[in-house]
């Protein structure tokens, strides 16, 4: 099965950085995965690939100095609604679903503590890779 855009969005950052690594002597790249990543990131693919290779070299040469915490604003985090049967829909930021009016699924109840529609649970699912890939790498 080919790598889909939703798979890239859900991919852990370590796996993501690994999949960006260029082929080395004696290894082969998965052509379908590379095509999916190129399609997803467009002109950003090759700079991200270089950053991933550079980051790998730095991590191999030095010990970690600590953690970095990203406090994103309104656009950098993905919000997903989960139905009782487990079906998940990325709502924020997914333009087609927003245009279809699914932003209403993100509405909170008057108390601000619970979802307005009990049929859905809202989850912050990840940092958006299109927005934060350079910074994370």
N, C-alpha and C. Protein backbone atom coordinates (compact mmCIF):
# COMPACT_ATOMS: atom_id res chain seq x y z
N UNK A 1 0.84 -1.18 0.00
CA UNK A 1 0.00 0.00 0.00
C UNK A 1 0.89 1.25 0.00
N UNK A 2 0.56 2.18 -0.87
CA UNK A 2 1.36 3.39 -1.01
C UNK A 2 1.15 4.33 0.18
N UNK A 3 2.17 5.09 0.48
CA UNK A 3 2.12 6.08 1.55
C UNK A 3 1.15 7.19 1.16
N UNK A 4 0.18 7.45 2.01
CA UNK A 4 -0.83 8.48 1.76
C UNK A 4 -0.49 9.73 2.54
N UNK A 5 -1.06 10.86 2.15
CA UNK A 5 -0.82 12.12 2.85
C UNK A 5 -1.22 12.03 4.31
N UNK A 6 -2.32 11.33 4.60
CA UNK A 6 -2.73 11.20 6.01
C UNK A 6 -1.70 10.40 6.81
N UNK A 7 -1.02 9.47 6.15
CA UNK A 7 0.02 8.69 6.83
C UNK A 7 1.22 9.58 7.17
N UNK A 8 1.55 10.48 6.26
CA UNK A 8 2.66 11.41 6.50
C UNK A 8 2.31 12.32 7.67
N UNK A 9 1.08 12.83 7.67
CA UNK A 9 0.64 13.74 8.74
C UNK A 9 0.69 13.06 10.10
N UNK A 10 0.38 11.77 10.18
CA UNK A 10 0.33 11.04 11.45
C UNK A 10 1.69 10.43 11.83
N UNK A 11 2.61 10.42 10.91
CA UNK A 11 3.91 9.77 11.12
C UNK A 11 4.67 10.42 12.28
N UNK A 12 5.25 9.60 13.12
CA UNK A 12 6.09 10.12 14.19
C UNK A 12 7.28 10.88 13.61
N UNK A 13 7.80 11.84 14.37
CA UNK A 13 8.87 12.68 13.87
C UNK A 13 10.15 11.91 13.60
N UNK A 14 10.45 10.90 14.38
CA UNK A 14 11.66 10.09 14.14
C UNK A 14 11.53 9.30 12.84
N UNK A 15 10.36 8.71 12.61
CA UNK A 15 10.12 7.97 11.37
C UNK A 15 10.16 8.92 10.19
N UNK A 16 9.56 10.08 10.36
CA UNK A 16 9.55 11.10 9.31
C UNK A 16 10.98 11.48 8.92
N UNK A 17 11.83 11.76 9.89
CA UNK A 17 13.22 12.14 9.61
C UNK A 17 13.95 10.99 8.93
N UNK A 18 13.67 9.77 9.33
CA UNK A 18 14.30 8.59 8.72
C UNK A 18 13.89 8.44 7.26
N UNK A 19 12.61 8.66 6.97
CA UNK A 19 12.12 8.51 5.59
C UNK A 19 12.64 9.61 4.68
N UNK A 20 13.05 10.73 5.25
CA UNK A 20 13.63 11.80 4.44
C UNK A 20 15.09 11.54 4.10
N UNK A 21 15.74 10.61 4.80
CA UNK A 21 17.16 10.38 4.58
C UNK A 21 17.42 9.94 3.14
N UNK A 22 18.42 10.55 2.52
CA UNK A 22 18.76 10.12 1.16
C UNK A 22 19.36 8.72 1.20
N UNK A 23 19.28 8.04 0.07
CA UNK A 23 19.86 6.70 -0.02
C UNK A 23 21.38 6.80 0.12
N UNK A 24 21.93 5.84 0.81
CA UNK A 24 23.38 5.78 0.94
C UNK A 24 23.88 4.56 0.16
N UNK A 25 25.19 4.45 0.05
CA UNK A 25 25.75 3.32 -0.70
C UNK A 25 25.22 2.01 -0.13
N UNK A 26 24.69 1.19 -1.01
CA UNK A 26 24.20 -0.12 -0.60
C UNK A 26 22.75 -0.12 -0.11
N UNK A 27 22.09 1.04 -0.06
CA UNK A 27 20.68 1.07 0.34
C UNK A 27 19.83 1.60 -0.81
N UNK A 28 18.57 1.22 -0.78
CA UNK A 28 17.64 1.70 -1.81
C UNK A 28 16.53 2.48 -1.12
N UNK A 29 16.06 3.51 -1.79
CA UNK A 29 14.92 4.28 -1.29
C UNK A 29 13.65 3.64 -1.82
N UNK A 30 12.60 3.74 -1.06
CA UNK A 30 11.29 3.30 -1.52
C UNK A 30 10.76 4.40 -2.43
N UNK A 31 10.69 4.11 -3.73
CA UNK A 31 10.32 5.13 -4.72
C UNK A 31 8.92 5.67 -4.49
N UNK A 32 7.99 4.82 -4.09
CA UNK A 32 6.61 5.26 -3.86
C UNK A 32 6.55 6.20 -2.65
N UNK A 33 7.30 5.88 -1.59
CA UNK A 33 7.34 6.75 -0.41
C UNK A 33 7.98 8.09 -0.74
N UNK A 34 9.07 8.05 -1.50
CA UNK A 34 9.74 9.30 -1.87
C UNK A 34 8.80 10.17 -2.72
N UNK A 35 8.08 9.57 -3.64
CA UNK A 35 7.14 10.32 -4.48
C UNK A 35 6.04 10.94 -3.61
N UNK A 36 5.52 10.19 -2.65
CA UNK A 36 4.47 10.72 -1.76
C UNK A 36 5.00 11.89 -0.94
N UNK A 37 6.22 11.78 -0.43
CA UNK A 37 6.82 12.87 0.34
C UNK A 37 7.08 14.09 -0.54
N UNK A 38 7.58 13.87 -1.75
CA UNK A 38 7.80 14.98 -2.69
C UNK A 38 6.48 15.69 -3.01
N UNK A 39 5.46 14.91 -3.21
CA UNK A 39 4.13 15.47 -3.53
C UNK A 39 3.58 16.26 -2.35
N UNK A 40 3.73 15.72 -1.16
CA UNK A 40 3.21 16.35 0.06
C UNK A 40 3.91 17.67 0.36
N UNK A 41 5.24 17.70 0.24
CA UNK A 41 6.03 18.88 0.61
C UNK A 41 6.39 19.78 -0.55
N UNK A 42 6.21 19.32 -1.77
CA UNK A 42 6.49 20.15 -2.93
C UNK A 42 7.94 20.62 -2.94
N UNK A 43 8.13 21.92 -3.15
CA UNK A 43 9.47 22.50 -3.23
C UNK A 43 10.25 22.40 -1.92
N UNK A 44 9.58 22.12 -0.83
CA UNK A 44 10.25 22.00 0.47
C UNK A 44 10.93 20.65 0.66
N UNK A 45 10.62 19.67 -0.20
CA UNK A 45 11.12 18.30 0.01
C UNK A 45 12.65 18.25 0.08
N UNK A 46 13.32 18.78 -0.93
CA UNK A 46 14.79 18.67 -0.95
C UNK A 46 15.46 19.44 0.19
N UNK A 47 15.03 20.67 0.52
CA UNK A 47 15.62 21.32 1.70
C UNK A 47 15.38 20.52 2.99
N UNK A 48 14.21 19.91 3.12
CA UNK A 48 13.92 19.08 4.30
C UNK A 48 14.81 17.85 4.32
N UNK A 49 15.04 17.28 3.16
CA UNK A 49 15.90 16.11 3.08
C UNK A 49 17.33 16.47 3.53
N UNK A 50 17.82 17.63 3.11
CA UNK A 50 19.15 18.08 3.53
C UNK A 50 19.19 18.35 5.04
N UNK A 51 18.14 18.97 5.56
CA UNK A 51 18.09 19.21 7.00
C UNK A 51 18.08 17.91 7.79
N UNK A 52 17.34 16.92 7.31
CA UNK A 52 17.27 15.63 7.99
C UNK A 52 18.65 14.96 8.02
N UNK A 53 19.37 15.02 6.90
CA UNK A 53 20.71 14.42 6.85
C UNK A 53 21.65 15.17 7.79
N UNK A 54 21.59 16.49 7.80
CA UNK A 54 22.44 17.30 8.67
C UNK A 54 22.12 17.02 10.15
N UNK A 55 20.84 16.95 10.47
CA UNK A 55 20.43 16.68 11.86
C UNK A 55 20.93 15.32 12.31
N UNK A 56 20.87 14.33 11.43
CA UNK A 56 21.35 13.00 11.79
C UNK A 56 22.86 13.04 12.11
N UNK A 57 23.62 13.77 11.31
CA UNK A 57 25.06 13.89 11.57
C UNK A 57 25.33 14.56 12.91
N UNK A 58 24.61 15.63 13.19
CA UNK A 58 24.80 16.34 14.45
C UNK A 58 24.42 15.48 15.65
N UNK A 59 23.33 14.75 15.53
CA UNK A 59 22.90 13.90 16.64
C UNK A 59 23.87 12.77 16.89
N UNK A 60 24.51 12.29 15.83
CA UNK A 60 25.48 11.21 15.99
C UNK A 60 26.78 11.73 16.62
N UNK A 61 27.09 13.00 16.39
CA UNK A 61 28.37 13.56 16.85
C UNK A 61 28.33 14.17 18.24
N UNK A 62 27.14 14.54 18.71
CA UNK A 62 27.05 15.22 20.01
C UNK A 62 25.93 14.60 20.84
N UNK A 63 26.01 14.84 22.12
CA UNK A 63 24.94 14.36 22.99
C UNK A 63 23.83 15.43 23.02
N UNK A 64 22.59 15.03 23.28
CA UNK A 64 21.50 16.00 23.34
C UNK A 64 21.74 17.03 24.44
N UNK A 65 21.42 18.26 24.15
CA UNK A 65 21.58 19.33 25.12
C UNK A 65 20.33 19.58 25.94
N UNK A 66 19.21 19.04 25.51
CA UNK A 66 17.96 19.25 26.22
C UNK A 66 16.78 19.10 25.28
N UNK A 67 15.65 19.58 25.72
CA UNK A 67 14.43 19.48 24.93
C UNK A 67 14.03 20.86 24.41
N UNK A 68 13.30 20.85 23.32
CA UNK A 68 12.71 22.06 22.77
C UNK A 68 11.20 21.87 22.82
N UNK A 69 10.50 22.87 23.30
CA UNK A 69 9.04 22.81 23.36
C UNK A 69 8.49 23.84 22.39
N UNK A 70 7.61 23.39 21.49
CA UNK A 70 6.96 24.29 20.54
C UNK A 70 5.60 24.68 21.09
N UNK A 71 5.38 25.96 21.24
CA UNK A 71 4.07 26.48 21.60
C UNK A 71 3.51 27.12 20.35
N UNK A 72 2.71 26.38 19.64
CA UNK A 72 2.21 26.88 18.37
C UNK A 72 1.01 27.78 18.57
N UNK A 73 0.72 28.52 17.55
CA UNK A 73 -0.44 29.40 17.57
C UNK A 73 -1.64 28.71 16.97
N UNK A 74 -2.45 29.46 16.30
CA UNK A 74 -3.73 28.96 15.82
C UNK A 74 -3.62 27.98 14.65
N UNK A 75 -2.56 28.06 13.86
CA UNK A 75 -2.49 27.25 12.64
C UNK A 75 -1.61 26.01 12.75
N UNK A 76 -0.73 25.91 13.71
CA UNK A 76 0.28 24.87 13.69
C UNK A 76 -0.08 23.53 14.28
N UNK A 77 -1.23 23.41 14.92
CA UNK A 77 -1.60 22.15 15.53
C UNK A 77 -2.79 21.52 14.83
N UNK A 78 -2.77 20.20 14.72
CA UNK A 78 -3.89 19.49 14.11
C UNK A 78 -4.92 19.13 15.17
N UNK A 79 -6.18 19.38 14.85
CA UNK A 79 -7.29 18.97 15.70
C UNK A 79 -8.12 17.94 14.95
N UNK A 80 -8.37 16.83 15.60
CA UNK A 80 -9.09 15.71 15.01
C UNK A 80 -10.32 15.42 15.85
N UNK A 81 -11.43 15.12 15.17
CA UNK A 81 -12.60 14.66 15.91
C UNK A 81 -12.67 13.14 15.80
N UNK A 82 -13.04 12.52 16.90
CA UNK A 82 -13.13 11.07 16.96
C UNK A 82 -14.56 10.70 17.32
N UNK A 83 -15.17 9.89 16.46
CA UNK A 83 -16.53 9.42 16.74
C UNK A 83 -16.48 8.27 17.73
N UNK A 84 -17.61 7.94 18.29
CA UNK A 84 -17.69 6.87 19.29
C UNK A 84 -17.19 5.53 18.74
N UNK A 85 -17.36 5.31 17.40
CA UNK A 85 -16.91 4.06 16.79
C UNK A 85 -15.41 4.07 16.46
N UNK A 86 -14.72 5.18 16.79
CA UNK A 86 -13.28 5.28 16.56
C UNK A 86 -12.89 5.97 15.26
N UNK A 87 -13.86 6.29 14.41
CA UNK A 87 -13.56 6.97 13.15
C UNK A 87 -13.00 8.36 13.43
N UNK A 88 -11.85 8.68 12.83
CA UNK A 88 -11.19 9.96 13.05
C UNK A 88 -11.25 10.83 11.80
N UNK A 89 -11.46 12.13 12.00
CA UNK A 89 -11.43 13.10 10.91
C UNK A 89 -10.57 14.28 11.33
N UNK A 90 -9.51 14.53 10.56
CA UNK A 90 -8.72 15.73 10.78
C UNK A 90 -9.58 16.91 10.34
N UNK A 91 -9.84 17.84 11.24
CA UNK A 91 -10.66 18.99 10.92
C UNK A 91 -9.79 20.24 10.78
N UNK A 92 -8.92 20.46 11.74
CA UNK A 92 -8.09 21.67 11.74
C UNK A 92 -6.64 21.28 11.54
N UNK A 93 -6.01 21.60 10.54
CA UNK A 93 -6.38 22.41 9.41
C UNK A 93 -6.51 21.48 8.19
N UNK A 94 -7.75 21.30 7.75
CA UNK A 94 -8.05 20.50 6.56
C UNK A 94 -9.11 21.28 5.78
N UNK A 95 -8.65 22.03 4.79
CA UNK A 95 -9.49 22.99 4.09
C UNK A 95 -10.79 22.40 3.55
N UNK A 96 -10.78 21.25 2.85
CA UNK A 96 -12.06 20.73 2.34
C UNK A 96 -13.09 20.46 3.46
N UNK A 97 -12.63 19.93 4.59
CA UNK A 97 -13.57 19.66 5.68
C UNK A 97 -14.07 20.97 6.31
N UNK A 98 -13.21 21.97 6.37
CA UNK A 98 -13.64 23.28 6.88
C UNK A 98 -14.69 23.89 5.96
N UNK A 99 -14.45 23.78 4.65
CA UNK A 99 -15.41 24.33 3.68
C UNK A 99 -16.75 23.58 3.72
N UNK A 100 -16.72 22.32 4.11
CA UNK A 100 -17.96 21.53 4.24
C UNK A 100 -18.69 21.80 5.55
N UNK A 101 -18.16 22.69 6.37
CA UNK A 101 -18.83 23.06 7.61
C UNK A 101 -18.49 22.21 8.81
N UNK A 102 -17.50 21.36 8.70
CA UNK A 102 -17.17 20.47 9.82
C UNK A 102 -16.47 21.20 10.96
N UNK A 103 -16.18 22.47 10.79
CA UNK A 103 -15.59 23.23 11.89
C UNK A 103 -16.53 23.25 13.09
N UNK A 104 -17.83 23.08 12.83
CA UNK A 104 -18.81 23.03 13.93
C UNK A 104 -18.53 21.88 14.89
N UNK A 105 -17.86 20.84 14.40
CA UNK A 105 -17.52 19.71 15.28
C UNK A 105 -16.55 20.13 16.39
N UNK A 106 -15.84 21.22 16.18
CA UNK A 106 -14.85 21.68 17.16
C UNK A 106 -15.45 22.58 18.23
N UNK A 107 -16.72 22.86 18.12
CA UNK A 107 -17.38 23.76 19.07
C UNK A 107 -17.43 23.13 20.46
N UNK A 108 -17.16 23.97 21.45
CA UNK A 108 -17.24 23.51 22.84
C UNK A 108 -18.60 23.86 23.43
N UNK A 109 -18.97 23.13 24.46
CA UNK A 109 -20.20 23.43 25.20
C UNK A 109 -20.02 24.76 25.93
N UNK A 110 -21.10 25.30 26.44
CA UNK A 110 -21.06 26.60 27.13
C UNK A 110 -20.07 26.63 28.29
N UNK A 111 -19.84 25.46 28.92
CA UNK A 111 -18.90 25.44 30.05
C UNK A 111 -17.43 25.52 29.60
N UNK A 112 -17.18 25.37 28.29
CA UNK A 112 -15.83 25.44 27.75
C UNK A 112 -14.97 24.23 28.09
N UNK A 113 -15.55 23.23 28.72
CA UNK A 113 -14.81 22.06 29.17
C UNK A 113 -15.13 20.80 28.37
N UNK A 114 -16.23 20.80 27.66
CA UNK A 114 -16.69 19.60 26.95
C UNK A 114 -17.09 19.96 25.53
N UNK A 115 -17.11 18.96 24.68
CA UNK A 115 -17.56 19.16 23.31
C UNK A 115 -19.05 19.50 23.30
N UNK A 116 -19.45 20.39 22.39
CA UNK A 116 -20.87 20.74 22.27
C UNK A 116 -21.68 19.56 21.76
N UNK A 117 -21.09 18.75 20.88
CA UNK A 117 -21.76 17.58 20.33
C UNK A 117 -21.14 16.34 20.97
N UNK A 118 -21.87 15.64 21.83
CA UNK A 118 -21.30 14.49 22.53
C UNK A 118 -20.99 13.31 21.61
N UNK A 119 -21.36 13.39 20.33
CA UNK A 119 -21.04 12.32 19.39
C UNK A 119 -19.56 12.31 19.02
N UNK A 120 -18.86 13.41 19.31
CA UNK A 120 -17.45 13.54 18.95
C UNK A 120 -16.60 13.88 20.16
N UNK A 121 -15.37 13.39 20.11
CA UNK A 121 -14.34 13.83 21.04
C UNK A 121 -13.32 14.59 20.22
N UNK A 122 -12.84 15.70 20.72
CA UNK A 122 -11.85 16.50 20.01
C UNK A 122 -10.47 16.21 20.61
N UNK A 123 -9.51 15.94 19.73
CA UNK A 123 -8.14 15.66 20.18
C UNK A 123 -7.15 16.55 19.44
N UNK A 124 -6.19 17.08 20.16
CA UNK A 124 -5.03 17.71 19.54
C UNK A 124 -4.11 16.56 19.16
N UNK A 125 -3.90 16.36 17.87
CA UNK A 125 -3.23 15.13 17.43
C UNK A 125 -1.76 15.28 17.08
N UNK A 126 -1.31 16.44 16.66
CA UNK A 126 0.10 16.57 16.29
C UNK A 126 0.39 17.99 15.84
N UNK A 127 1.67 18.31 15.76
CA UNK A 127 2.08 19.54 15.09
C UNK A 127 1.96 19.30 13.59
N UNK A 128 1.55 20.30 12.86
CA UNK A 128 1.42 20.18 11.42
C UNK A 128 2.81 20.11 10.78
N UNK A 129 3.06 19.04 10.03
CA UNK A 129 4.38 18.85 9.43
C UNK A 129 4.68 19.90 8.36
N UNK A 130 3.68 20.35 7.62
CA UNK A 130 3.93 21.38 6.62
C UNK A 130 4.41 22.67 7.27
N UNK A 131 3.92 22.93 8.46
CA UNK A 131 4.28 24.17 9.16
C UNK A 131 5.59 24.04 9.93
N UNK A 132 5.82 22.91 10.59
CA UNK A 132 6.91 22.79 11.55
C UNK A 132 8.05 21.84 11.16
N UNK A 133 8.03 21.23 9.98
CA UNK A 133 9.06 20.26 9.63
C UNK A 133 10.46 20.86 9.70
N UNK A 134 10.64 22.04 9.16
CA UNK A 134 11.98 22.68 9.19
C UNK A 134 12.44 22.89 10.63
N UNK A 135 11.57 23.41 11.46
CA UNK A 135 11.95 23.71 12.85
C UNK A 135 12.25 22.42 13.62
N UNK A 136 11.48 21.39 13.43
CA UNK A 136 11.70 20.13 14.15
C UNK A 136 13.01 19.49 13.73
N UNK A 137 13.25 19.46 12.42
CA UNK A 137 14.50 18.87 11.93
C UNK A 137 15.70 19.68 12.40
